[in-house]
Amino acid sequence: MDVIPCALTEGEAQMSTYLISTMSIHDPETYRKYTSGTPPTVKRHGGRFLTRGEPVVTLEGEQFTQRMVIMEFPSRKHIE
């Protein structure tokens, strides 16, 4: 993931930042081990999950078949 640094000027409001991850799971057992530690890490950085792998509805184009996770953080600084 590429992150471009962004500094706020004094008095500028912070804006929520959304992290969207898409992935294909090739080894479900290893993936479960990895994801068991994810919630505490996200919470420690002030984030929360908006969705974790719920079905995605494709309205146009090729059907989306990967897993999608969307997280919300208070600001970009929380994920850098």
PDB file of N, CA and C in Angstrom:
ATOM      1  N   MET A   1       0.846  -1.162   0.000  1.00  0.00           N
ATOM      2  CA  MET A   1       0.000   0.000   0.000  1.00  0.00           C
ATOM      3  C   MET A   1       0.894   1.229   0.000  1.00  0.00           C
ATOM      4  N   ASP A   2       0.610   2.171  -0.875  1.00  0.00           N
ATOM      5  CA  ASP A   2       1.331   3.432  -0.911  1.00  0.00           C
ATOM      6  C   ASP A   2       0.597   4.439  -0.045  1.00  0.00           C
ATOM      7  N   VAL A   3       1.316   5.102   0.838  1.00  0.00           N
ATOM      8  CA  VAL A   3       0.744   6.148   1.674  1.00  0.00           C
ATOM      9  C   VAL A   3       1.513   7.421   1.409  1.00  0.00           C
ATOM     10  N   ILE A   4       0.803   8.468   1.057  1.00  0.00           N
ATOM     11  CA  ILE A   4       1.429   9.758   0.789  1.00  0.00           C
ATOM     12  C   ILE A   4       1.259  10.618   2.035  1.00  0.00           C
ATOM     13  N   PRO A   5       2.353  11.071   2.655  1.00  0.00           N
ATOM     14  CA  PRO A   5       2.238  11.879   3.870  1.00  0.00           C
ATOM     15  C   PRO A   5       1.387  13.122   3.646  1.00  0.00           C
ATOM     16  N   CYS A   6       0.627  13.459   4.657  1.00  0.00           N
ATOM     17  CA  CYS A   6      -0.242  14.623   4.570  1.00  0.00           C
ATOM     18  C   CYS A   6      -0.234  15.315   5.928  1.00  0.00           C
ATOM     19  N   ALA A   7       0.163  16.565   5.963  1.00  0.00           N
ATOM     20  CA  ALA A   7       0.200  17.311   7.225  1.00  0.00           C
ATOM     21  C   ALA A   7      -0.963  18.292   7.257  1.00  0.00           C
ATOM     22  N   LEU A   8      -1.594  18.393   8.427  1.00  0.00           N
ATOM     23  CA  LEU A   8      -2.672  19.352   8.606  1.00  0.00           C
ATOM     24  C   LEU A   8      -2.089  20.681   9.052  1.00  0.00           C
ATOM     25  N   THR A   9      -2.673  21.761   8.558  1.00  0.00           N
ATOM     26  CA  THR A   9      -2.268  23.064   9.052  1.00  0.00           C
ATOM     27  C   THR A   9      -3.037  23.341  10.338  1.00  0.00           C
ATOM     28  N   GLU A  10      -2.529  24.223  11.162  1.00  0.00           N
ATOM     29  CA  GLU A  10      -3.158  24.523  12.449  1.00  0.00           C
ATOM     30  C   GLU A  10      -4.610  24.944  12.243  1.00  0.00           C
ATOM     31  N   GLY A  11      -5.508  24.343  13.015  1.00  0.00           N
ATOM     32  CA  GLY A  11      -6.919  24.669  12.946  1.00  0.00           C
ATOM     33  C   GLY A  11      -7.684  23.897  11.883  1.00  0.00           C
ATOM     34  N   GLU A  12      -6.991  23.124  11.063  1.00  0.00           N
ATOM     35  CA  GLU A  12      -7.651  22.346  10.019  1.00  0.00           C
ATOM     36  C   GLU A  12      -8.274  21.092  10.634  1.00  0.00           C
ATOM     37  N   ALA A  13      -9.479  20.783  10.257  1.00  0.00           N
ATOM     38  CA  ALA A  13     -10.185  19.630  10.816  1.00  0.00           C
ATOM     39  C   ALA A  13      -9.605  18.329  10.279  1.00  0.00           C
ATOM     40  N   GLN A  14      -9.581  17.315  11.143  1.00  0.00           N
ATOM     41  CA  GLN A  14      -9.169  15.990  10.701  1.00  0.00           C
ATOM     42  C   GLN A  14     -10.341  15.326   9.996  1.00  0.00           C
ATOM     43  N   MET A  15     -10.025  14.488   9.042  1.00  0.00           N
ATOM     44  CA  MET A  15     -11.052  13.789   8.286  1.00  0.00           C
ATOM     45  C   MET A  15     -10.841  12.288   8.469  1.00  0.00           C
ATOM     46  N   SER A  16     -11.931  11.558   8.611  1.00  0.00           N
ATOM     47  CA  SER A  16     -11.826  10.106   8.697  1.00  0.00           C
ATOM     48  C   SER A  16     -11.122   9.570   7.468  1.00  0.00           C
ATOM     49  N   THR A  17     -10.368   8.493   7.670  1.00  0.00           N
ATOM     50  CA  THR A  17      -9.642   7.843   6.593  1.00  0.00           C
ATOM     51  C   THR A  17     -10.116   6.406   6.503  1.00  0.00           C
ATOM     52  N   TYR A  18     -10.325   5.928   5.289  1.00  0.00           N
ATOM     53  CA  TYR A  18     -10.827   4.579   5.068  1.00  0.00           C
ATOM     54  C   TYR A  18      -9.750   3.747   4.394  1.00  0.00           C
ATOM     55  N   LEU A  19      -9.543   2.557   4.913  1.00  0.00           N
ATOM     56  CA  LEU A  19      -8.575   1.623   4.356  1.00  0.00           C
ATOM     57  C   LEU A  19      -9.365   0.474   3.752  1.00  0.00           C
ATOM     58  N   ILE A  20      -9.216   0.267   2.455  1.00  0.00           N
ATOM     59  CA  ILE A  20      -9.936  -0.789   1.752  1.00  0.00           C
ATOM     60  C   ILE A  20      -8.928  -1.826   1.288  1.00  0.00           C
ATOM     61  N   SER A  21      -9.141  -3.063   1.711  1.00  0.00           N
ATOM     62  CA  SER A  21      -8.258  -4.160   1.324  1.00  0.00           C
ATOM     63  C   SER A  21      -9.054  -5.205   0.565  1.00  0.00           C
ATOM     64  N   THR A  22      -8.490  -5.676  -0.525  1.00  0.00           N
ATOM     65  CA  THR A  22      -9.088  -6.797  -1.242  1.00  0.00           C
ATOM     66  C   THR A  22      -8.035  -7.887  -1.323  1.00  0.00           C
ATOM     67  N   MET A  23      -8.475  -9.120  -1.203  1.00  0.00           N
ATOM     68  CA  MET A  23      -7.521 -10.222  -1.202  1.00  0.00           C
ATOM     69  C   MET A  23      -8.165 -11.512  -1.667  1.00  0.00           C
ATOM     70  N   SER A  24      -7.340 -12.400  -2.173  1.00  0.00           N
ATOM     71  CA  SER A  24      -7.749 -13.764  -2.486  1.00  0.00           C
ATOM     72  C   SER A  24      -7.122 -14.660  -1.434  1.00  0.00           C
ATOM     73  N   ILE A  25      -7.913 -15.528  -0.840  1.00  0.00           N
ATOM     74  CA  ILE A  25      -7.428 -16.422   0.219  1.00  0.00           C
ATOM     75  C   ILE A  25      -7.027 -17.747  -0.413  1.00  0.00           C
ATOM     76  N   HIS A  26      -5.745 -18.100  -0.323  1.00  0.00           N
ATOM     77  CA  HIS A  26      -5.247 -19.353  -0.890  1.00  0.00           C
ATOM     78  C   HIS A  26      -4.976 -20.393   0.189  1.00  0.00           C
ATOM     79  N   ASP A  27      -4.804 -19.936   1.428  1.00  0.00           N
ATOM     80  CA  ASP A  27      -4.535 -20.837   2.554  1.00  0.00           C
ATOM     81  C   ASP A  27      -5.421 -20.397   3.726  1.00  0.00           C
ATOM     82  N   PRO A  28      -6.652 -20.895   3.792  1.00  0.00           N
ATOM     83  CA  PRO A  28      -7.599 -20.440   4.813  1.00  0.00           C
ATOM     84  C   PRO A  28      -7.099 -20.590   6.250  1.00  0.00           C
ATOM     85  N   GLU A  29      -6.357 -21.643   6.547  1.00  0.00           N
ATOM     86  CA  GLU A  29      -5.876 -21.854   7.923  1.00  0.00           C
ATOM     87  C   GLU A  29      -4.887 -20.751   8.326  1.00  0.00           C
ATOM     88  N   THR A  30      -3.932 -20.481   7.471  1.00  0.00           N
ATOM     89  CA  THR A  30      -2.969 -19.416   7.760  1.00  0.00           C
ATOM     90  C   THR A  30      -3.669 -18.066   7.824  1.00  0.00           C
ATOM     91  N   TYR A  31      -4.630 -17.846   6.951  1.00  0.00           N
ATOM     92  CA  TYR A  31      -5.362 -16.584   6.960  1.00  0.00           C
ATOM     93  C   TYR A  31      -6.117 -16.396   8.271  1.00  0.00           C
ATOM     94  N   ARG A  32      -6.755 -17.453   8.791  1.00  0.00           N
ATOM     95  CA  ARG A  32      -7.464 -17.363  10.077  1.00  0.00           C
ATOM     96  C   ARG A  32      -6.505 -17.000  11.205  1.00  0.00           C
ATOM     97  N   LYS A  33      -5.309 -17.573  11.192  1.00  0.00           N
ATOM     98  CA  LYS A  33      -4.311 -17.229  12.217  1.00  0.00           C
ATOM     99  C   LYS A  33      -3.942 -15.744  12.122  1.00  0.00           C
ATOM    100  N   TYR A  34      -3.765 -15.265  10.908  1.00  0.00           N
ATOM    101  CA  TYR A  34      -3.414 -13.860  10.689  1.00  0.00           C
ATOM    102  C   TYR A  34      -4.540 -12.948  11.164  1.00  0.00           C
ATOM    103  N   THR A  35      -5.759 -13.256  10.777  1.00  0.00           N
ATOM    104  CA  THR A  35      -6.877 -12.367  11.093  1.00  0.00           C
ATOM    105  C   THR A  35      -7.273 -12.399  12.564  1.00  0.00           C
ATOM    106  N   SER A  36      -6.868 -13.418  13.292  1.00  0.00           N
ATOM    107  CA  SER A  36      -7.211 -13.449  14.718  1.00  0.00           C
ATOM    108  C   SER A  36      -6.511 -12.317  15.476  1.00  0.00           C
ATOM    109  N   GLY A  37      -5.394 -11.847  14.974  1.00  0.00           N
ATOM    110  CA  GLY A  37      -4.669 -10.754  15.630  1.00  0.00           C
ATOM    111  C   GLY A  37      -4.986  -9.381  15.070  1.00  0.00           C
ATOM    112  N   THR A  38      -5.780  -9.326  14.032  1.00  0.00           N
ATOM    113  CA  THR A  38      -6.064  -8.047  13.381  1.00  0.00           C
ATOM    114  C   THR A  38      -6.938  -7.110  14.211  1.00  0.00           C
ATOM    115  N   PRO A  39      -8.065  -7.560  14.796  1.00  0.00           N
ATOM    116  CA  PRO A  39      -8.924  -6.619  15.533  1.00  0.00           C
ATOM    117  C   PRO A  39      -8.212  -5.820  16.629  1.00  0.00           C
ATOM    118  N   PRO A  40      -7.378  -6.442  17.472  1.00  0.00           N
ATOM    119  CA  PRO A  40      -6.689  -5.636  18.488  1.00  0.00           C
ATOM    120  C   PRO A  40      -5.749  -4.582  17.879  1.00  0.00           C
ATOM    121  N   THR A  41      -5.120  -4.914  16.763  1.00  0.00           N
ATOM    122  CA  THR A  41      -4.220  -3.970  16.107  1.00  0.00           C
ATOM    123  C   THR A  41      -4.999  -2.786  15.546  1.00  0.00           C
ATOM    124  N   VAL A  42      -6.109  -3.063  14.898  1.00  0.00           N
ATOM    125  CA  VAL A  42      -6.948  -1.995  14.337  1.00  0.00           C
ATOM    126  C   VAL A  42      -7.458  -1.101  15.466  1.00  0.00           C
ATOM    127  N   LYS A  43      -7.937  -1.701  16.531  1.00  0.00           N
ATOM    128  CA  LYS A  43      -8.470  -0.939  17.670  1.00  0.00           C
ATOM    129  C   LYS A  43      -7.390  -0.072  18.309  1.00  0.00           C
ATOM    130  N   ARG A  44      -6.173  -0.617  18.441  1.00  0.00           N
ATOM    131  CA  ARG A  44      -5.065   0.115  19.055  1.00  0.00           C
ATOM    132  C   ARG A  44      -4.742   1.397  18.287  1.00  0.00           C
ATOM    133  N   HIS A  45      -5.019   1.391  16.998  1.00  0.00           N
ATOM    134  CA  HIS A  45      -4.750   2.564  16.160  1.00  0.00           C
ATOM    135  C   HIS A  45      -6.002   3.419  15.958  1.00  0.00           C
ATOM    136  N   GLY A  46      -7.040   3.161  16.762  1.00  0.00           N
ATOM    137  CA  GLY A  46      -8.245   3.986  16.721  1.00  0.00           C
ATOM    138  C   GLY A  46      -9.224   3.619  15.621  1.00  0.00           C
ATOM    139  N   GLY A  47      -9.000   2.472  14.982  1.00  0.00           N
ATOM    140  CA  GLY A  47      -9.849   2.091  13.860  1.00  0.00           C
ATOM    141  C   GLY A  47     -10.973   1.149  14.241  1.00  0.00           C
ATOM    142  N   ARG A  48     -11.841   0.961  13.276  1.00  0.00           N
ATOM    143  CA  ARG A  48     -12.923  -0.005  13.434  1.00  0.00           C
ATOM    144  C   ARG A  48     -13.238  -0.605  12.074  1.00  0.00           C
ATOM    145  N   PHE A  49     -13.724  -1.831  12.103  1.00  0.00           N
ATOM    146  CA  PHE A  49     -14.118  -2.505  10.868  1.00  0.00           C
ATOM    147  C   PHE A  49     -15.514  -2.052  10.459  1.00  0.00           C
ATOM    148  N   LEU A  50     -15.671  -1.712   9.195  1.00  0.00           N
ATOM    149  CA  LEU A  50     -16.993  -1.422   8.656  1.00  0.00           C
ATOM    150  C   LEU A  50     -17.566  -2.672   7.994  1.00  0.00           C
ATOM    151  N   THR A  51     -16.692  -3.465   7.426  1.00  0.00           N
ATOM    152  CA  THR A  51     -17.088  -4.747   6.835  1.00  0.00           C
ATOM    153  C   THR A  51     -15.873  -5.662   6.830  1.00  0.00           C
ATOM    154  N   ARG A  52     -16.131  -6.948   7.050  1.00  0.00           N
ATOM    155  CA  ARG A  52     -15.044  -7.942   7.047  1.00  0.00           C
ATOM    156  C   ARG A  52     -15.475  -9.164   6.257  1.00  0.00           C
ATOM    157  N   GLY A  53     -15.415  -9.063   4.953  1.00  0.00           N
ATOM    158  CA  GLY A  53     -15.659 -10.226   4.117  1.00  0.00           C
ATOM    159  C   GLY A  53     -17.112 -10.514   3.796  1.00  0.00           C
ATOM    160  N   GLU A  54     -18.023  -9.570   4.080  1.00  0.00           N
ATOM    161  CA  GLU A  54     -19.412  -9.789   3.691  1.00  0.00           C
ATOM    162  C   GLU A  54     -19.506  -9.851   2.170  1.00  0.00           C
ATOM    163  N   PRO A  55     -20.551 -10.476   1.655  1.00  0.00           N
ATOM    164  CA  PRO A  55     -20.688 -10.583   0.193  1.00  0.00           C
ATOM    165  C   PRO A  55     -20.718  -9.206  -0.475  1.00  0.00           C
ATOM    166  N   VAL A  56     -20.087  -9.128  -1.650  1.00  0.00           N
ATOM    167  CA  VAL A  56     -20.053  -7.899  -2.439  1.00  0.00           C
ATOM    168  C   VAL A  56     -20.986  -8.092  -3.628  1.00  0.00           C
ATOM    169  N   VAL A  57     -21.844  -7.129  -3.869  1.00  0.00           N
ATOM    170  CA  VAL A  57     -22.754  -7.179  -5.012  1.00  0.00           C
ATOM    171  C   VAL A  57     -22.131  -6.392  -6.157  1.00  0.00           C
ATOM    172  N   THR A  58     -21.944  -7.036  -7.287  1.00  0.00           N
ATOM    173  CA  THR A  58     -21.383  -6.387  -8.466  1.00  0.00           C
ATOM    174  C   THR A  58     -22.533  -5.909  -9.339  1.00  0.00           C
ATOM    175  N   LEU A  59     -22.607  -4.610  -9.567  1.00  0.00           N
ATOM    176  CA  LEU A  59     -23.687  -4.058 -10.376  1.00  0.00           C
ATOM    177  C   LEU A  59     -23.337  -4.015 -11.859  1.00  0.00           C
ATOM    178  N   GLU A  60     -22.054  -3.840 -12.171  1.00  0.00           N
ATOM    179  CA  GLU A  60     -21.611  -3.807 -13.565  1.00  0.00           C
ATOM    180  C   GLU A  60     -20.244  -4.456 -13.669  1.00  0.00           C
ATOM    181  N   GLY A  61     -19.937  -4.994 -14.826  1.00  0.00           N
ATOM    182  CA  GLY A  61     -18.612  -5.565 -15.064  1.00  0.00           C
ATOM    183  C   GLY A  61     -18.465  -6.963 -14.494  1.00  0.00           C
ATOM    184  N   GLU A  62     -17.207  -7.383 -14.367  1.00  0.00           N
ATOM    185  CA  GLU A  62     -16.924  -8.722 -13.864  1.00  0.00           C
ATOM    186  C   GLU A  62     -17.334  -8.866 -12.404  1.00  0.00           C
ATOM    187  N   GLN A  63     -17.816 -10.034 -12.044  1.00  0.00           N
ATOM    188  CA  GLN A  63     -18.223 -10.285 -10.666  1.00  0.00           C
ATOM    189  C   GLN A  63     -17.005 -10.245  -9.753  1.00  0.00           C
ATOM    190  N   PHE A  64     -17.150  -9.558  -8.617  1.00  0.00           N
ATOM    191  CA  PHE A  64     -16.080  -9.466  -7.628  1.00  0.00           C
ATOM    192  C   PHE A  64     -16.067 -10.753  -6.816  1.00  0.00           C
ATOM    193  N   THR A  65     -14.945 -11.457  -6.806  1.00  0.00           N
ATOM    194  CA  THR A  65     -14.886 -12.754  -6.128  1.00  0.00           C
ATOM    195  C   THR A  65     -13.902 -12.776  -4.961  1.00  0.00           C
ATOM    196  N   GLN A  66     -13.178 -11.694  -4.750  1.00  0.00           N
ATOM    197  CA  GLN A  66     -12.199 -11.660  -3.669  1.00  0.00           C
ATOM    198  C   GLN A  66     -12.875 -11.318  -2.347  1.00  0.00           C
ATOM    199  N   ARG A  67     -12.097 -11.316  -1.283  1.00  0.00           N
ATOM    200  CA  ARG A  67     -12.575 -10.879   0.027  1.00  0.00           C
ATOM    201  C   ARG A  67     -12.278  -9.392   0.145  1.00  0.00           C
ATOM    202  N   MET A  68     -13.226  -8.634   0.704  1.00  0.00           N
ATOM    203  CA  MET A  68     -13.030  -7.205   0.887  1.00  0.00           C
ATOM    204  C   MET A  68     -13.191  -6.853   2.361  1.00  0.00           C
ATOM    205  N   VAL A  69     -12.275  -6.037   2.853  1.00  0.00           N
ATOM    206  CA  VAL A  69     -12.319  -5.538   4.228  1.00  0.00           C
ATOM    207  C   VAL A  69     -12.226  -4.023   4.149  1.00  0.00           C
ATOM    208  N   ILE A  70     -13.133  -3.334   4.843  1.00  0.00           N
ATOM    209  CA  ILE A  70     -13.103  -1.872   4.885  1.00  0.00           C
ATOM    210  C   ILE A  70     -13.003  -1.447   6.342  1.00  0.00           C
ATOM    211  N   MET A  71     -12.010  -0.612   6.635  1.00  0.00           N
ATOM    212  CA  MET A  71     -11.798  -0.112   7.990  1.00  0.00           C
ATOM    213  C   MET A  71     -11.856   1.415   7.973  1.00  0.00           C
ATOM    214  N   GLU A  72     -12.288   1.984   9.095  1.00  0.00           N
ATOM    215  CA  GLU A  72     -12.342   3.432   9.250  1.00  0.00           C
ATOM    216  C   GLU A  72     -11.421   3.838  10.393  1.00  0.00           C
ATOM    217  N   PHE A  73     -10.641   4.889  10.173  1.00  0.00           N
ATOM    218  CA  PHE A  73      -9.745   5.439  11.185  1.00  0.00           C
ATOM    219  C   PHE A  73     -10.057   6.925  11.344  1.00  0.00           C
ATOM    220  N   PRO A  74      -9.790   7.488  12.530  1.00  0.00           N
ATOM    221  CA  PRO A  74     -10.108   8.906  12.770  1.00  0.00           C
ATOM    222  C   PRO A  74      -9.396   9.860  11.815  1.00  0.00           C
ATOM    223  N   SER A  75      -8.187   9.503  11.395  1.00  0.00           N
ATOM    224  CA  SER A  75      -7.439  10.365  10.482  1.00  0.00           C
ATOM    225  C   SER A  75      -6.378   9.522   9.767  1.00  0.00           C
ATOM    226  N   ARG A  76      -5.767  10.112   8.798  1.00  0.00           N
ATOM    227  CA  ARG A  76      -4.708   9.431   8.042  1.00  0.00           C
ATOM    228  C   ARG A  76      -3.511   9.121   8.961  1.00  0.00           C
ATOM    229  N   LYS A  77      -3.242  10.012   9.907  1.00  0.00           N
ATOM    230  CA  LYS A  77      -2.108   9.793  10.823  1.00  0.00           C
ATOM    231  C   LYS A  77      -2.258   8.481  11.596  1.00  0.00           C
ATOM    232  N   HIS A  78      -3.471   8.037  11.832  1.00  0.00           N
ATOM    233  CA  HIS A  78      -3.696   6.815  12.585  1.00  0.00           C
ATOM    234  C   HIS A  78      -3.276   5.559  11.835  1.00  0.00           C
ATOM    235  N   ILE A  79      -3.130   5.639  10.526  1.00  0.00           N
ATOM    236  CA  ILE A  79      -2.715   4.453   9.773  1.00  0.00           C
ATOM    237  C   ILE A  79      -1.299   4.551   9.234  1.00  0.00           C
ATOM    238  N   GLU A  80      -0.666   5.677   9.410  1.00  0.00           N
ATOM    239  CA  GLU A  80       0.715   5.827   8.919  1.00  0.00           C
ATOM    240  C   GLU A  80       1.716   5.271   9.897  1.00  0.00           C
TER     241      GLU A  80
END
